[in-house]
Protein backbone atom coordinates (compact mmCIF):
# COMPACT_ATOMS: atom_id res chain seq x y z
CA UNK A 1 0.00 0.00 0.00
CA UNK A 2 1.62 3.24 -1.07
CA UNK A 3 0.53 6.82 -0.73
CA UNK A 4 0.85 9.44 -3.43
CA UNK A 5 3.35 12.18 -2.87
CA UNK A 6 1.70 15.04 -1.07
CA UNK A 7 -0.74 12.76 0.80
CA UNK A 8 -1.36 12.86 4.54
CA UNK A 9 2.07 11.35 5.24
CA UNK A 10 4.44 12.96 2.79
CA UNK A 11 7.29 12.73 5.27
CA UNK A 12 8.40 9.70 7.31
CA UNK A 13 8.48 11.84 10.48
CA UNK A 14 4.76 12.65 10.07
CA UNK A 15 3.93 8.96 9.76
CA UNK A 16 6.05 8.14 12.81
CA UNK A 17 4.34 10.85 14.85
CA UNK A 18 0.88 9.57 13.84
CA UNK A 19 1.82 6.01 14.78
CA UNK A 20 3.19 7.16 18.14
CA UNK A 21 -0.05 9.03 18.85
CA UNK A 22 -2.10 5.98 17.88
CA UNK A 23 -0.02 3.81 20.22
CA UNK A 24 -0.72 6.17 23.13
CA UNK A 25 -4.44 6.13 22.44
CA UNK A 26 -4.44 2.33 22.08
CA UNK A 27 -2.65 1.91 25.41
CA UNK A 28 -5.35 3.79 27.30
CA UNK A 29 -8.28 2.39 25.30
CA UNK A 30 -7.12 -1.22 25.59
CA UNK A 31 -6.55 -0.98 29.34
CA UNK A 32 -10.00 0.52 29.84
CA UNK A 33 -11.59 -2.18 27.66
CA UNK A 34 -9.86 -4.99 29.57
CA UNK A 35 -10.79 -3.54 32.98
CA UNK A 36 -14.42 -3.04 31.95
CA UNK A 37 -14.58 -6.54 30.44
CA UNK A 38 -13.20 -8.14 33.60
CA UNK A 39 -15.74 -6.28 35.72
CA UNK A 40 -18.54 -7.40 33.37
CA UNK A 41 -17.47 -11.04 33.71
CA UNK A 42 -17.41 -10.78 37.52
CA UNK A 43 -20.90 -9.22 37.49
CA UNK A 44 -22.18 -12.01 35.23
CA UNK A 45 -20.71 -14.73 37.47
CA UNK A 46 -22.20 -13.13 40.55
CA UNK A 47 -25.60 -12.89 38.87
CA UNK A 48 -25.49 -16.57 37.91
CA UNK A 49 -24.34 -17.54 41.42
CA UNK A 50 -27.55 -16.10 42.85
CA UNK A 51 -29.83 -19.12 42.64
CA UNK A 52 -30.90 -21.81 40.22
CA UNK A 53 -29.72 -22.94 37.77
CA UNK A 54 -26.55 -21.79 39.58
CA UNK A 55 -25.80 -22.30 43.27
CA UNK A 56 -28.21 -20.94 45.85
CA UNK A 57 -27.21 -18.01 48.00
CA UNK A 58 -26.94 -18.83 51.69
CA UNK A 59 -24.73 -16.08 53.13
CA UNK A 60 -23.62 -14.24 50.00
CA UNK A 61 -19.94 -14.72 50.86
CA UNK A 62 -19.28 -17.03 47.92
CA UNK A 63 -20.87 -14.66 45.42
CA UNK A 64 -18.96 -11.72 46.90
CA UNK A 65 -15.66 -13.62 46.72
CA UNK A 66 -15.45 -13.28 42.92
CA UNK A 67 -12.86 -10.68 41.92
CA UNK A 68 -10.91 -9.43 38.93
CA UNK A 69 -7.38 -8.14 38.64
CA UNK A 70 -5.75 -6.57 35.60
CA UNK A 71 -2.00 -6.93 35.13
CA UNK A 72 0.54 -5.97 32.55
CA UNK A 73 0.95 -2.97 30.38
CA UNK A 74 0.69 -2.01 26.78
CA UNK A 75 0.72 -3.83 24.46
CA UNK A 76 -0.45 -6.77 26.61
CA UNK A 77 -3.07 -6.56 29.35
CA UNK A 78 -4.13 -9.66 31.27
CA UNK A 79 -7.34 -9.87 33.28
CA UNK A 80 -7.65 -12.58 35.89
CA UNK A 81 -11.17 -13.37 37.08
CA UNK A 82 -11.74 -15.86 39.86
CA UNK A 83 -12.33 -16.69 43.47
CA UNK A 84 -10.31 -18.21 46.27
CA UNK A 85 -13.42 -19.81 47.78
CA UNK A 86 -12.74 -23.54 48.35
CA UNK A 87 -16.23 -24.57 47.21
CA UNK A 88 -15.95 -22.96 43.77
CA UNK A 89 -14.83 -26.02 41.81
CA UNK A 90 -17.37 -28.25 43.53
CA UNK A 91 -20.23 -25.84 42.83
CA UNK A 92 -19.27 -25.36 39.18
CA UNK A 93 -18.55 -29.00 38.28
CA UNK A 94 -20.25 -31.03 41.02
CA UNK A 95 -18.64 -33.82 43.05
CA UNK A 96 -19.39 -37.50 43.39
CA UNK A 97 -17.26 -39.52 45.76
CA UNK A 98 -15.62 -39.44 49.14
CA UNK A 99 -13.77 -36.36 50.31
CA UNK A 100 -10.56 -36.26 52.34
CA UNK A 101 -12.54 -36.45 55.60
CA UNK A 102 -14.36 -39.62 54.53
CA UNK A 103 -17.69 -37.94 53.79
CA UNK A 104 -19.62 -39.26 50.77
CA UNK A 105 -21.13 -36.82 48.30
CA UNK A 106 -23.27 -36.90 45.19
CA UNK A 107 -23.44 -33.16 44.55
CA UNK A 108 -24.71 -32.11 41.10
CA UNK A 109 -22.98 -29.31 39.21
CA UNK A 110 -24.38 -25.80 39.31
CA UNK A 111 -22.56 -24.11 36.41
CA UNK A 112 -22.28 -20.37 36.78
CA UNK A 113 -18.73 -19.29 35.86
CA UNK A 114 -18.63 -21.05 32.48
CA UNK A 115 -22.03 -19.78 31.34
CA UNK A 116 -21.13 -16.25 32.49
CA UNK A 117 -17.95 -16.30 30.43
CA UNK A 118 -19.82 -17.59 27.39
CA UNK A 119 -22.48 -14.90 27.76
CA UNK A 120 -19.98 -12.03 28.03
CA UNK A 121 -17.51 -13.23 25.39
CA UNK A 122 -19.05 -11.29 22.51
CA UNK A 123 -19.13 -8.12 24.62
CA UNK A 124 -15.44 -8.48 25.44
CA UNK A 125 -14.55 -8.94 21.76
CA UNK A 126 -16.67 -5.93 20.79
CA UNK A 127 -15.07 -3.69 23.45
CA UNK A 128 -11.56 -4.61 22.34
CA UNK A 129 -12.54 -3.96 18.72
CA UNK A 130 -13.86 -0.51 19.60
CA UNK A 131 -10.60 0.23 21.43
CA UNK A 132 -8.64 -0.68 18.29
CA UNK A 133 -10.88 1.48 16.08
CA UNK A 134 -10.44 4.50 18.33
CA UNK A 135 -6.68 4.12 18.25
CA UNK A 136 -6.55 3.84 14.48
C-alpha atoms as a PDB file:
ATOM      1  CA  UNK A   1       0.000   0.000   0.000  1.00  0.00           C
ATOM      2  CA  UNK A   2       1.624   3.240  -1.070  1.00  0.00           C
ATOM      3  CA  UNK A   3       0.526   6.822  -0.735  1.00  0.00           C
ATOM      4  CA  UNK A   4       0.847   9.442  -3.432  1.00  0.00           C
ATOM      5  CA  UNK A   5       3.353  12.177  -2.874  1.00  0.00           C
ATOM      6  CA  UNK A   6       1.700  15.036  -1.070  1.00  0.00           C
ATOM      7  CA  UNK A   7      -0.740  12.759   0.804  1.00  0.00           C
ATOM      8  CA  UNK A   8      -1.359  12.859   4.541  1.00  0.00           C
ATOM      9  CA  UNK A   9       2.071  11.350   5.241  1.00  0.00           C
ATOM     10  CA  UNK A  10       4.438  12.960   2.790  1.00  0.00           C
ATOM     11  CA  UNK A  11       7.291  12.733   5.273  1.00  0.00           C
ATOM     12  CA  UNK A  12       8.396   9.700   7.314  1.00  0.00           C
ATOM     13  CA  UNK A  13       8.482  11.837  10.475  1.00  0.00           C
ATOM     14  CA  UNK A  14       4.763  12.652  10.071  1.00  0.00           C
ATOM     15  CA  UNK A  15       3.933   8.962   9.760  1.00  0.00           C
ATOM     16  CA  UNK A  16       6.047   8.139  12.810  1.00  0.00           C
ATOM     17  CA  UNK A  17       4.337  10.846  14.853  1.00  0.00           C
ATOM     18  CA  UNK A  18       0.884   9.573  13.836  1.00  0.00           C
ATOM     19  CA  UNK A  19       1.824   6.010  14.780  1.00  0.00           C
ATOM     20  CA  UNK A  20       3.193   7.161  18.142  1.00  0.00           C
ATOM     21  CA  UNK A  21      -0.054   9.030  18.850  1.00  0.00           C
ATOM     22  CA  UNK A  22      -2.104   5.977  17.880  1.00  0.00           C
ATOM     23  CA  UNK A  23      -0.025   3.814  20.218  1.00  0.00           C
ATOM     24  CA  UNK A  24      -0.716   6.170  23.132  1.00  0.00           C
ATOM     25  CA  UNK A  25      -4.437   6.129  22.438  1.00  0.00           C
ATOM     26  CA  UNK A  26      -4.442   2.330  22.075  1.00  0.00           C
ATOM     27  CA  UNK A  27      -2.648   1.908  25.409  1.00  0.00           C
ATOM     28  CA  UNK A  28      -5.354   3.791  27.300  1.00  0.00           C
ATOM     29  CA  UNK A  29      -8.275   2.394  25.305  1.00  0.00           C
ATOM     30  CA  UNK A  30      -7.121  -1.221  25.587  1.00  0.00           C
ATOM     31  CA  UNK A  31      -6.550  -0.978  29.336  1.00  0.00           C
ATOM     32  CA  UNK A  32     -10.002   0.518  29.842  1.00  0.00           C
ATOM     33  CA  UNK A  33     -11.591  -2.176  27.655  1.00  0.00           C
ATOM     34  CA  UNK A  34      -9.862  -4.992  29.574  1.00  0.00           C
ATOM     35  CA  UNK A  35     -10.794  -3.538  32.978  1.00  0.00           C
ATOM     36  CA  UNK A  36     -14.423  -3.043  31.955  1.00  0.00           C
ATOM     37  CA  UNK A  37     -14.578  -6.545  30.441  1.00  0.00           C
ATOM     38  CA  UNK A  38     -13.198  -8.141  33.604  1.00  0.00           C
ATOM     39  CA  UNK A  39     -15.742  -6.283  35.722  1.00  0.00           C
ATOM     40  CA  UNK A  40     -18.539  -7.401  33.371  1.00  0.00           C
ATOM     41  CA  UNK A  41     -17.469 -11.036  33.713  1.00  0.00           C
ATOM     42  CA  UNK A  42     -17.411 -10.775  37.522  1.00  0.00           C
ATOM     43  CA  UNK A  43     -20.897  -9.218  37.492  1.00  0.00           C
ATOM     44  CA  UNK A  44     -22.181 -12.008  35.226  1.00  0.00           C
ATOM     45  CA  UNK A  45     -20.708 -14.733  37.470  1.00  0.00           C
ATOM     46  CA  UNK A  46     -22.201 -13.125  40.555  1.00  0.00           C
ATOM     47  CA  UNK A  47     -25.601 -12.888  38.873  1.00  0.00           C
ATOM     48  CA  UNK A  48     -25.491 -16.571  37.910  1.00  0.00           C
ATOM     49  CA  UNK A  49     -24.338 -17.539  41.420  1.00  0.00           C
ATOM     50  CA  UNK A  50     -27.547 -16.101  42.849  1.00  0.00           C
ATOM     51  CA  UNK A  51     -29.830 -19.123  42.635  1.00  0.00           C
ATOM     52  CA  UNK A  52     -30.900 -21.813  40.218  1.00  0.00           C
ATOM     53  CA  UNK A  53     -29.717 -22.944  37.773  1.00  0.00           C
ATOM     54  CA  UNK A  54     -26.554 -21.788  39.583  1.00  0.00           C
ATOM     55  CA  UNK A  55     -25.797 -22.295  43.267  1.00  0.00           C
ATOM     56  CA  UNK A  56     -28.214 -20.940  45.849  1.00  0.00           C
ATOM     57  CA  UNK A  57     -27.211 -18.010  48.002  1.00  0.00           C
ATOM     58  CA  UNK A  58     -26.944 -18.828  51.692  1.00  0.00           C
ATOM     59  CA  UNK A  59     -24.728 -16.076  53.135  1.00  0.00           C
ATOM     60  CA  UNK A  60     -23.624 -14.239  50.001  1.00  0.00           C
ATOM     61  CA  UNK A  61     -19.936 -14.722  50.861  1.00  0.00           C
ATOM     62  CA  UNK A  62     -19.275 -17.034  47.916  1.00  0.00           C
ATOM     63  CA  UNK A  63     -20.872 -14.659  45.425  1.00  0.00           C
ATOM     64  CA  UNK A  64     -18.964 -11.717  46.902  1.00  0.00           C
ATOM     65  CA  UNK A  65     -15.663 -13.616  46.717  1.00  0.00           C
ATOM     66  CA  UNK A  66     -15.447 -13.279  42.922  1.00  0.00           C
ATOM     67  CA  UNK A  67     -12.859 -10.678  41.921  1.00  0.00           C
ATOM     68  CA  UNK A  68     -10.914  -9.435  38.926  1.00  0.00           C
ATOM     69  CA  UNK A  69      -7.384  -8.138  38.645  1.00  0.00           C
ATOM     70  CA  UNK A  70      -5.755  -6.568  35.601  1.00  0.00           C
ATOM     71  CA  UNK A  71      -1.996  -6.926  35.130  1.00  0.00           C
ATOM     72  CA  UNK A  72       0.537  -5.970  32.546  1.00  0.00           C
ATOM     73  CA  UNK A  73       0.946  -2.969  30.383  1.00  0.00           C
ATOM     74  CA  UNK A  74       0.692  -2.010  26.781  1.00  0.00           C
ATOM     75  CA  UNK A  75       0.716  -3.827  24.459  1.00  0.00           C
ATOM     76  CA  UNK A  76      -0.448  -6.768  26.611  1.00  0.00           C
ATOM     77  CA  UNK A  77      -3.071  -6.555  29.352  1.00  0.00           C
ATOM     78  CA  UNK A  78      -4.126  -9.664  31.267  1.00  0.00           C
ATOM     79  CA  UNK A  79      -7.340  -9.872  33.278  1.00  0.00           C
ATOM     80  CA  UNK A  80      -7.651 -12.582  35.894  1.00  0.00           C
ATOM     81  CA  UNK A  81     -11.166 -13.371  37.081  1.00  0.00           C
ATOM     82  CA  UNK A  82     -11.736 -15.862  39.857  1.00  0.00           C
ATOM     83  CA  UNK A  83     -12.327 -16.686  43.467  1.00  0.00           C
ATOM     84  CA  UNK A  84     -10.308 -18.207  46.267  1.00  0.00           C
ATOM     85  CA  UNK A  85     -13.417 -19.813  47.776  1.00  0.00           C
ATOM     86  CA  UNK A  86     -12.744 -23.535  48.355  1.00  0.00           C
ATOM     87  CA  UNK A  87     -16.226 -24.572  47.213  1.00  0.00           C
ATOM     88  CA  UNK A  88     -15.947 -22.955  43.768  1.00  0.00           C
ATOM     89  CA  UNK A  89     -14.829 -26.018  41.815  1.00  0.00           C
ATOM     90  CA  UNK A  90     -17.365 -28.254  43.530  1.00  0.00           C
ATOM     91  CA  UNK A  91     -20.227 -25.840  42.833  1.00  0.00           C
ATOM     92  CA  UNK A  92     -19.265 -25.358  39.181  1.00  0.00           C
ATOM     93  CA  UNK A  93     -18.551 -28.996  38.279  1.00  0.00           C
ATOM     94  CA  UNK A  94     -20.246 -31.034  41.018  1.00  0.00           C
ATOM     95  CA  UNK A  95     -18.642 -33.820  43.054  1.00  0.00           C
ATOM     96  CA  UNK A  96     -19.392 -37.503  43.388  1.00  0.00           C
ATOM     97  CA  UNK A  97     -17.264 -39.520  45.765  1.00  0.00           C
ATOM     98  CA  UNK A  98     -15.620 -39.439  49.144  1.00  0.00           C
ATOM     99  CA  UNK A  99     -13.768 -36.360  50.306  1.00  0.00           C
ATOM    100  CA  UNK A 100     -10.555 -36.265  52.344  1.00  0.00           C
ATOM    101  CA  UNK A 101     -12.539 -36.450  55.600  1.00  0.00           C
ATOM    102  CA  UNK A 102     -14.360 -39.617  54.532  1.00  0.00           C
ATOM    103  CA  UNK A 103     -17.694 -37.944  53.788  1.00  0.00           C
ATOM    104  CA  UNK A 104     -19.616 -39.259  50.770  1.00  0.00           C
ATOM    105  CA  UNK A 105     -21.129 -36.824  48.296  1.00  0.00           C
ATOM    106  CA  UNK A 106     -23.274 -36.897  45.186  1.00  0.00           C
ATOM    107  CA  UNK A 107     -23.443 -33.156  44.548  1.00  0.00           C
ATOM    108  CA  UNK A 108     -24.709 -32.115  41.102  1.00  0.00           C
ATOM    109  CA  UNK A 109     -22.981 -29.314  39.210  1.00  0.00           C
ATOM    110  CA  UNK A 110     -24.380 -25.797  39.313  1.00  0.00           C
ATOM    111  CA  UNK A 111     -22.561 -24.111  36.411  1.00  0.00           C
ATOM    112  CA  UNK A 112     -22.276 -20.374  36.781  1.00  0.00           C
ATOM    113  CA  UNK A 113     -18.725 -19.292  35.855  1.00  0.00           C
ATOM    114  CA  UNK A 114     -18.630 -21.049  32.479  1.00  0.00           C
ATOM    115  CA  UNK A 115     -22.034 -19.780  31.338  1.00  0.00           C
ATOM    116  CA  UNK A 116     -21.129 -16.255  32.494  1.00  0.00           C
ATOM    117  CA  UNK A 117     -17.952 -16.297  30.427  1.00  0.00           C
ATOM    118  CA  UNK A 118     -19.822 -17.587  27.386  1.00  0.00           C
ATOM    119  CA  UNK A 119     -22.481 -14.899  27.764  1.00  0.00           C
ATOM    120  CA  UNK A 120     -19.981 -12.035  28.034  1.00  0.00           C
ATOM    121  CA  UNK A 121     -17.513 -13.235  25.389  1.00  0.00           C
ATOM    122  CA  UNK A 122     -19.055 -11.291  22.507  1.00  0.00           C
ATOM    123  CA  UNK A 123     -19.134  -8.124  24.622  1.00  0.00           C
ATOM    124  CA  UNK A 124     -15.442  -8.482  25.439  1.00  0.00           C
ATOM    125  CA  UNK A 125     -14.547  -8.936  21.765  1.00  0.00           C
ATOM    126  CA  UNK A 126     -16.670  -5.926  20.790  1.00  0.00           C
ATOM    127  CA  UNK A 127     -15.068  -3.691  23.452  1.00  0.00           C
ATOM    128  CA  UNK A 128     -11.562  -4.605  22.343  1.00  0.00           C
ATOM    129  CA  UNK A 129     -12.536  -3.963  18.718  1.00  0.00           C
ATOM    130  CA  UNK A 130     -13.862  -0.514  19.603  1.00  0.00           C
ATOM    131  CA  UNK A 131     -10.597   0.234  21.427  1.00  0.00           C
ATOM    132  CA  UNK A 132      -8.643  -0.683  18.292  1.00  0.00           C
ATOM    133  CA  UNK A 133     -10.877   1.477  16.083  1.00  0.00           C
ATOM    134  CA  UNK A 134     -10.437   4.503  18.333  1.00  0.00           C
ATOM    135  CA  UNK A 135      -6.677   4.120  18.253  1.00  0.00           C
ATOM    136  CA  UNK A 136      -6.555   3.836  14.482  1.00  0.00           C
END
